[in-house]
Amino acid sequence: MAEIDLAFLARQNERIMADNASMRDELRVQTAMITRLDRTVAGLVQEVRAMHSWMAQMDARPEARGRCALSRPSAVQRAARSLGARTRGTERGALVRSS
């Protein structure tokens, strides 16, 4: 059996400590990514619920339909139409840069 000296143990200890530091850094990055995604999803859920409630209120008031903002195309709807026009005819809807 080979003898193990203190220099060998010191090198092994340094390697283990470096691996541990690397894993700690990776864990911090992954935790930050998951936290960001969690906040994004929570915000989207809240936004969709608010829009659903707003649209349900608008549907409940038929007399206000002619005067509400939904009767005119919103900036989002216009942008979606514009985006659709730019992606028409491309494979799988890939965006095409307009010149």
N, C-alpha and C. Protein backbone atom coordinates (compact mmCIF):
# COMPACT_ATOMS: atom_id res chain seq x y z
N MET A 1 0.83 -1.18 0.00
CA MET A 1 0.00 0.00 0.00
C MET A 1 0.88 1.25 0.00
N ALA A 2 0.53 2.22 -0.83
CA ALA A 2 1.32 3.45 -0.95
C ALA A 2 1.12 4.31 0.28
N GLU A 3 2.19 4.97 0.66
CA GLU A 3 2.09 5.85 1.82
C GLU A 3 1.47 7.18 1.41
N ILE A 4 0.67 7.71 2.26
CA ILE A 4 0.01 8.99 2.02
C ILE A 4 0.70 10.01 2.92
N ASP A 5 1.27 11.04 2.30
CA ASP A 5 1.95 12.06 3.09
C ASP A 5 1.06 13.29 3.24
N LEU A 6 1.51 14.23 4.02
CA LEU A 6 0.72 15.44 4.29
C LEU A 6 0.56 16.31 3.04
N ALA A 7 1.54 16.32 2.15
CA ALA A 7 1.45 17.13 0.93
C ALA A 7 0.31 16.61 0.04
N PHE A 8 0.18 15.29 -0.06
CA PHE A 8 -0.90 14.70 -0.85
C PHE A 8 -2.25 15.07 -0.25
N LEU A 9 -2.38 14.95 1.06
CA LEU A 9 -3.63 15.30 1.73
C LEU A 9 -3.96 16.79 1.56
N ALA A 10 -2.94 17.64 1.60
CA ALA A 10 -3.16 19.08 1.43
C ALA A 10 -3.67 19.37 0.01
N ARG A 11 -3.07 18.72 -1.00
CA ARG A 11 -3.54 18.92 -2.39
C ARG A 11 -4.98 18.44 -2.56
N GLN A 12 -5.30 17.29 -1.99
CA GLN A 12 -6.66 16.77 -2.08
C GLN A 12 -7.65 17.70 -1.38
N ASN A 13 -7.24 18.23 -0.23
CA ASN A 13 -8.10 19.15 0.51
C ASN A 13 -8.35 20.43 -0.31
N GLU A 14 -7.32 20.97 -0.96
CA GLU A 14 -7.48 22.16 -1.79
C GLU A 14 -8.42 21.87 -2.97
N ARG A 15 -8.28 20.69 -3.58
CA ARG A 15 -9.14 20.33 -4.71
C ARG A 15 -10.60 20.23 -4.26
N ILE A 16 -10.82 19.62 -3.12
CA ILE A 16 -12.18 19.48 -2.59
C ILE A 16 -12.77 20.86 -2.27
N MET A 17 -11.97 21.73 -1.67
CA MET A 17 -12.45 23.08 -1.34
C MET A 17 -12.78 23.88 -2.61
N ALA A 18 -11.97 23.72 -3.66
CA ALA A 18 -12.24 24.41 -4.92
C ALA A 18 -13.52 23.88 -5.56
N ASP A 19 -13.72 22.57 -5.53
CA ASP A 19 -14.96 21.99 -6.07
C ASP A 19 -16.17 22.47 -5.29
N ASN A 20 -16.02 22.56 -3.97
CA ASN A 20 -17.11 23.02 -3.12
C ASN A 20 -17.47 24.47 -3.45
N ALA A 21 -16.46 25.31 -3.65
CA ALA A 21 -16.70 26.72 -3.99
C ALA A 21 -17.39 26.82 -5.35
N SER A 22 -16.98 25.99 -6.29
CA SER A 22 -17.60 26.00 -7.61
C SER A 22 -19.06 25.59 -7.53
N MET A 23 -19.36 24.55 -6.77
CA MET A 23 -20.76 24.13 -6.61
C MET A 23 -21.59 25.19 -5.91
N ARG A 24 -21.00 25.88 -4.94
CA ARG A 24 -21.71 26.96 -4.24
C ARG A 24 -22.07 28.08 -5.22
N ASP A 25 -21.12 28.45 -6.10
CA ASP A 25 -21.39 29.48 -7.10
C ASP A 25 -22.49 29.04 -8.07
N GLU A 26 -22.44 27.79 -8.51
CA GLU A 26 -23.48 27.28 -9.40
C GLU A 26 -24.85 27.30 -8.72
N LEU A 27 -24.89 26.94 -7.44
CA LEU A 27 -26.14 26.95 -6.70
C LEU A 27 -26.70 28.36 -6.57
N ARG A 28 -25.83 29.34 -6.35
CA ARG A 28 -26.29 30.74 -6.27
C ARG A 28 -26.90 31.19 -7.59
N VAL A 29 -26.25 30.85 -8.70
CA VAL A 29 -26.77 31.24 -10.01
C VAL A 29 -28.11 30.57 -10.27
N GLN A 30 -28.21 29.28 -10.00
CA GLN A 30 -29.47 28.57 -10.25
C GLN A 30 -30.59 29.08 -9.34
N THR A 31 -30.26 29.40 -8.10
CA THR A 31 -31.26 29.96 -7.19
C THR A 31 -31.76 31.30 -7.70
N ALA A 32 -30.86 32.14 -8.18
CA ALA A 32 -31.26 33.44 -8.73
C ALA A 32 -32.16 33.27 -9.96
N MET A 33 -31.82 32.30 -10.82
CA MET A 33 -32.63 32.06 -12.01
C MET A 33 -34.03 31.59 -11.63
N ILE A 34 -34.13 30.67 -10.70
CA ILE A 34 -35.43 30.14 -10.29
C ILE A 34 -36.25 31.24 -9.61
N THR A 35 -35.62 32.04 -8.79
CA THR A 35 -36.33 33.13 -8.12
C THR A 35 -36.88 34.12 -9.14
N ARG A 36 -36.07 34.45 -10.15
CA ARG A 36 -36.53 35.38 -11.18
C ARG A 36 -37.70 34.79 -11.95
N LEU A 37 -37.60 33.53 -12.33
CA LEU A 37 -38.69 32.88 -13.05
C LEU A 37 -39.95 32.80 -12.20
N ASP A 38 -39.80 32.53 -10.93
CA ASP A 38 -40.95 32.44 -10.03
C ASP A 38 -41.67 33.78 -9.95
N ARG A 39 -40.90 34.87 -9.84
CA ARG A 39 -41.51 36.20 -9.80
C ARG A 39 -42.21 36.52 -11.11
N THR A 40 -41.59 36.13 -12.22
CA THR A 40 -42.18 36.41 -13.53
C THR A 40 -43.51 35.67 -13.69
N VAL A 41 -43.54 34.41 -13.33
CA VAL A 41 -44.76 33.61 -13.45
C VAL A 41 -45.84 34.17 -12.54
N ALA A 42 -45.48 34.52 -11.32
CA ALA A 42 -46.47 35.07 -10.39
C ALA A 42 -47.03 36.38 -10.94
N GLY A 43 -46.19 37.21 -11.52
CA GLY A 43 -46.67 38.47 -12.10
C GLY A 43 -47.58 38.23 -13.28
N LEU A 44 -47.25 37.25 -14.11
CA LEU A 44 -48.11 36.95 -15.26
C LEU A 44 -49.46 36.41 -14.83
N VAL A 45 -49.47 35.55 -13.82
CA VAL A 45 -50.74 35.01 -13.31
C VAL A 45 -51.61 36.15 -12.79
N GLN A 46 -51.01 37.06 -12.04
CA GLN A 46 -51.76 38.19 -11.51
C GLN A 46 -52.30 39.06 -12.66
N GLU A 47 -51.49 39.29 -13.67
CA GLU A 47 -51.93 40.11 -14.80
C GLU A 47 -53.07 39.44 -15.57
N VAL A 48 -52.97 38.14 -15.80
CA VAL A 48 -54.03 37.44 -16.52
C VAL A 48 -55.33 37.45 -15.73
N ARG A 49 -55.24 37.26 -14.42
CA ARG A 49 -56.45 37.32 -13.59
C ARG A 49 -57.10 38.69 -13.64
N ALA A 50 -56.29 39.74 -13.58
CA ALA A 50 -56.82 41.10 -13.63
C ALA A 50 -57.47 41.37 -14.98
N MET A 51 -56.84 40.92 -16.07
CA MET A 51 -57.43 41.12 -17.40
C MET A 51 -58.73 40.34 -17.54
N HIS A 52 -58.77 39.12 -17.00
CA HIS A 52 -59.99 38.32 -17.06
C HIS A 52 -61.12 39.00 -16.31
N SER A 53 -60.82 39.53 -15.15
CA SER A 53 -61.83 40.24 -14.36
C SER A 53 -62.31 41.48 -15.09
N TRP A 54 -61.39 42.22 -15.68
CA TRP A 54 -61.75 43.44 -16.40
C TRP A 54 -62.63 43.12 -17.60
N MET A 55 -62.25 42.07 -18.35
CA MET A 55 -63.04 41.71 -19.53
C MET A 55 -64.40 41.18 -19.13
N ALA A 56 -64.50 40.47 -18.01
CA ALA A 56 -65.80 39.99 -17.54
C ALA A 56 -66.69 41.17 -17.17
N GLN A 57 -66.11 42.19 -16.57
CA GLN A 57 -66.89 43.39 -16.24
C GLN A 57 -67.37 44.09 -17.50
N MET A 58 -66.51 44.15 -18.52
CA MET A 58 -66.90 44.79 -19.77
C MET A 58 -68.01 44.01 -20.47
N ASP A 59 -67.93 42.69 -20.42
CA ASP A 59 -68.98 41.86 -21.02
C ASP A 59 -70.30 42.00 -20.29
N ALA A 60 -70.26 42.29 -19.00
CA ALA A 60 -71.48 42.43 -18.21
C ALA A 60 -72.18 43.75 -18.48
N ARG A 61 -71.50 44.70 -19.11
CA ARG A 61 -72.11 46.01 -19.40
C ARG A 61 -72.23 46.20 -20.91
N PRO A 62 -73.27 45.66 -21.53
CA PRO A 62 -73.38 45.79 -22.99
C PRO A 62 -73.61 47.23 -23.45
N GLU A 63 -74.18 48.07 -22.58
CA GLU A 63 -74.43 49.46 -22.98
C GLU A 63 -73.15 50.26 -23.12
N ALA A 64 -72.09 49.82 -22.49
CA ALA A 64 -70.83 50.56 -22.53
C ALA A 64 -69.91 50.06 -23.63
N ARG A 65 -70.28 49.03 -24.34
CA ARG A 65 -69.38 48.45 -25.33
C ARG A 65 -68.99 49.44 -26.42
N GLY A 66 -69.93 50.24 -26.86
CA GLY A 66 -69.63 51.18 -27.94
C GLY A 66 -68.66 52.26 -27.53
N ARG A 67 -68.57 52.56 -26.25
CA ARG A 67 -67.72 53.64 -25.78
C ARG A 67 -66.42 53.17 -25.15
N CYS A 68 -66.26 51.88 -24.95
CA CYS A 68 -65.09 51.41 -24.21
C CYS A 68 -63.87 51.31 -25.11
N ALA A 69 -62.73 51.19 -24.49
CA ALA A 69 -61.47 51.10 -25.22
C ALA A 69 -61.37 49.82 -26.02
N LEU A 70 -62.16 48.81 -25.66
CA LEU A 70 -62.09 47.54 -26.39
C LEU A 70 -62.68 47.65 -27.79
N SER A 71 -63.50 48.68 -28.03
CA SER A 71 -64.11 48.80 -29.35
C SER A 71 -63.11 49.28 -30.40
N ARG A 72 -62.03 49.91 -29.94
CA ARG A 72 -60.98 50.35 -30.85
C ARG A 72 -59.79 49.41 -30.69
N PRO A 73 -59.04 49.19 -31.77
CA PRO A 73 -57.85 48.34 -31.62
C PRO A 73 -56.83 49.00 -30.71
N SER A 74 -56.36 48.25 -29.75
CA SER A 74 -55.36 48.78 -28.82
C SER A 74 -53.99 48.74 -29.48
N ALA A 75 -53.04 49.37 -28.83
CA ALA A 75 -51.67 49.34 -29.33
C ALA A 75 -51.14 47.91 -29.37
N VAL A 76 -51.53 47.09 -28.40
CA VAL A 76 -51.09 45.71 -28.38
C VAL A 76 -51.67 44.94 -29.57
N GLN A 77 -52.96 45.16 -29.84
CA GLN A 77 -53.59 44.48 -30.98
C GLN A 77 -52.96 44.93 -32.29
N ARG A 78 -52.67 46.23 -32.42
CA ARG A 78 -52.04 46.71 -33.65
C ARG A 78 -50.64 46.12 -33.81
N ALA A 79 -49.90 46.04 -32.71
CA ALA A 79 -48.55 45.47 -32.77
C ALA A 79 -48.62 43.99 -33.14
N ALA A 80 -49.61 43.27 -32.60
CA ALA A 80 -49.76 41.85 -32.91
C ALA A 80 -50.08 41.67 -34.39
N ARG A 81 -50.95 42.52 -34.93
CA ARG A 81 -51.27 42.43 -36.35
C ARG A 81 -50.04 42.73 -37.20
N SER A 82 -49.29 43.74 -36.79
CA SER A 82 -48.08 44.11 -37.51
C SER A 82 -47.07 42.98 -37.47
N LEU A 83 -46.92 42.37 -36.31
CA LEU A 83 -46.00 41.25 -36.17
C LEU A 83 -46.45 40.08 -37.02
N GLY A 84 -47.75 39.83 -37.05
CA GLY A 84 -48.29 38.75 -37.87
C GLY A 84 -48.02 38.99 -39.34
N ALA A 85 -48.10 40.25 -39.78
CA ALA A 85 -47.84 40.57 -41.18
C ALA A 85 -46.38 40.34 -41.53
N ARG A 86 -45.49 40.61 -40.59
CA ARG A 86 -44.07 40.41 -40.85
C ARG A 86 -43.67 38.95 -40.82
N THR A 87 -44.43 38.11 -40.10
CA THR A 87 -44.05 36.70 -40.00
C THR A 87 -44.79 35.83 -41.01
N ARG A 88 -45.79 36.38 -41.67
CA ARG A 88 -46.53 35.58 -42.64
C ARG A 88 -45.62 35.11 -43.76
N GLY A 89 -45.73 33.85 -44.12
CA GLY A 89 -44.94 33.33 -45.21
C GLY A 89 -43.58 32.81 -44.79
N THR A 90 -43.24 32.95 -43.52
CA THR A 90 -41.96 32.42 -43.05
C THR A 90 -42.20 31.07 -42.43
N GLU A 91 -41.15 30.31 -42.36
CA GLU A 91 -41.27 28.96 -41.82
C GLU A 91 -41.46 28.99 -40.31
N ARG A 92 -42.51 28.38 -39.82
CA ARG A 92 -42.83 28.27 -38.40
C ARG A 92 -42.92 29.63 -37.71
N GLY A 93 -43.26 30.67 -38.41
CA GLY A 93 -43.46 31.96 -37.80
C GLY A 93 -42.17 32.65 -37.36
N ALA A 94 -41.04 32.27 -37.92
CA ALA A 94 -39.78 32.91 -37.55
C ALA A 94 -39.82 34.38 -37.93
N LEU A 95 -39.30 35.22 -37.07
CA LEU A 95 -39.34 36.66 -37.35
C LEU A 95 -38.41 37.01 -38.50
N VAL A 96 -38.88 37.93 -39.32
CA VAL A 96 -38.09 38.43 -40.43
C VAL A 96 -37.82 39.90 -40.16
N ARG A 97 -36.59 40.30 -40.24
CA ARG A 97 -36.27 41.70 -40.00
C ARG A 97 -36.78 42.53 -41.17
N SER A 98 -37.46 43.60 -40.81
CA SER A 98 -37.93 44.49 -41.87
C SER A 98 -36.85 45.52 -42.13
N SER A 99 -36.67 45.87 -43.40
CA SER A 99 -35.61 46.81 -43.73
C SER A 99 -36.14 48.21 -43.84
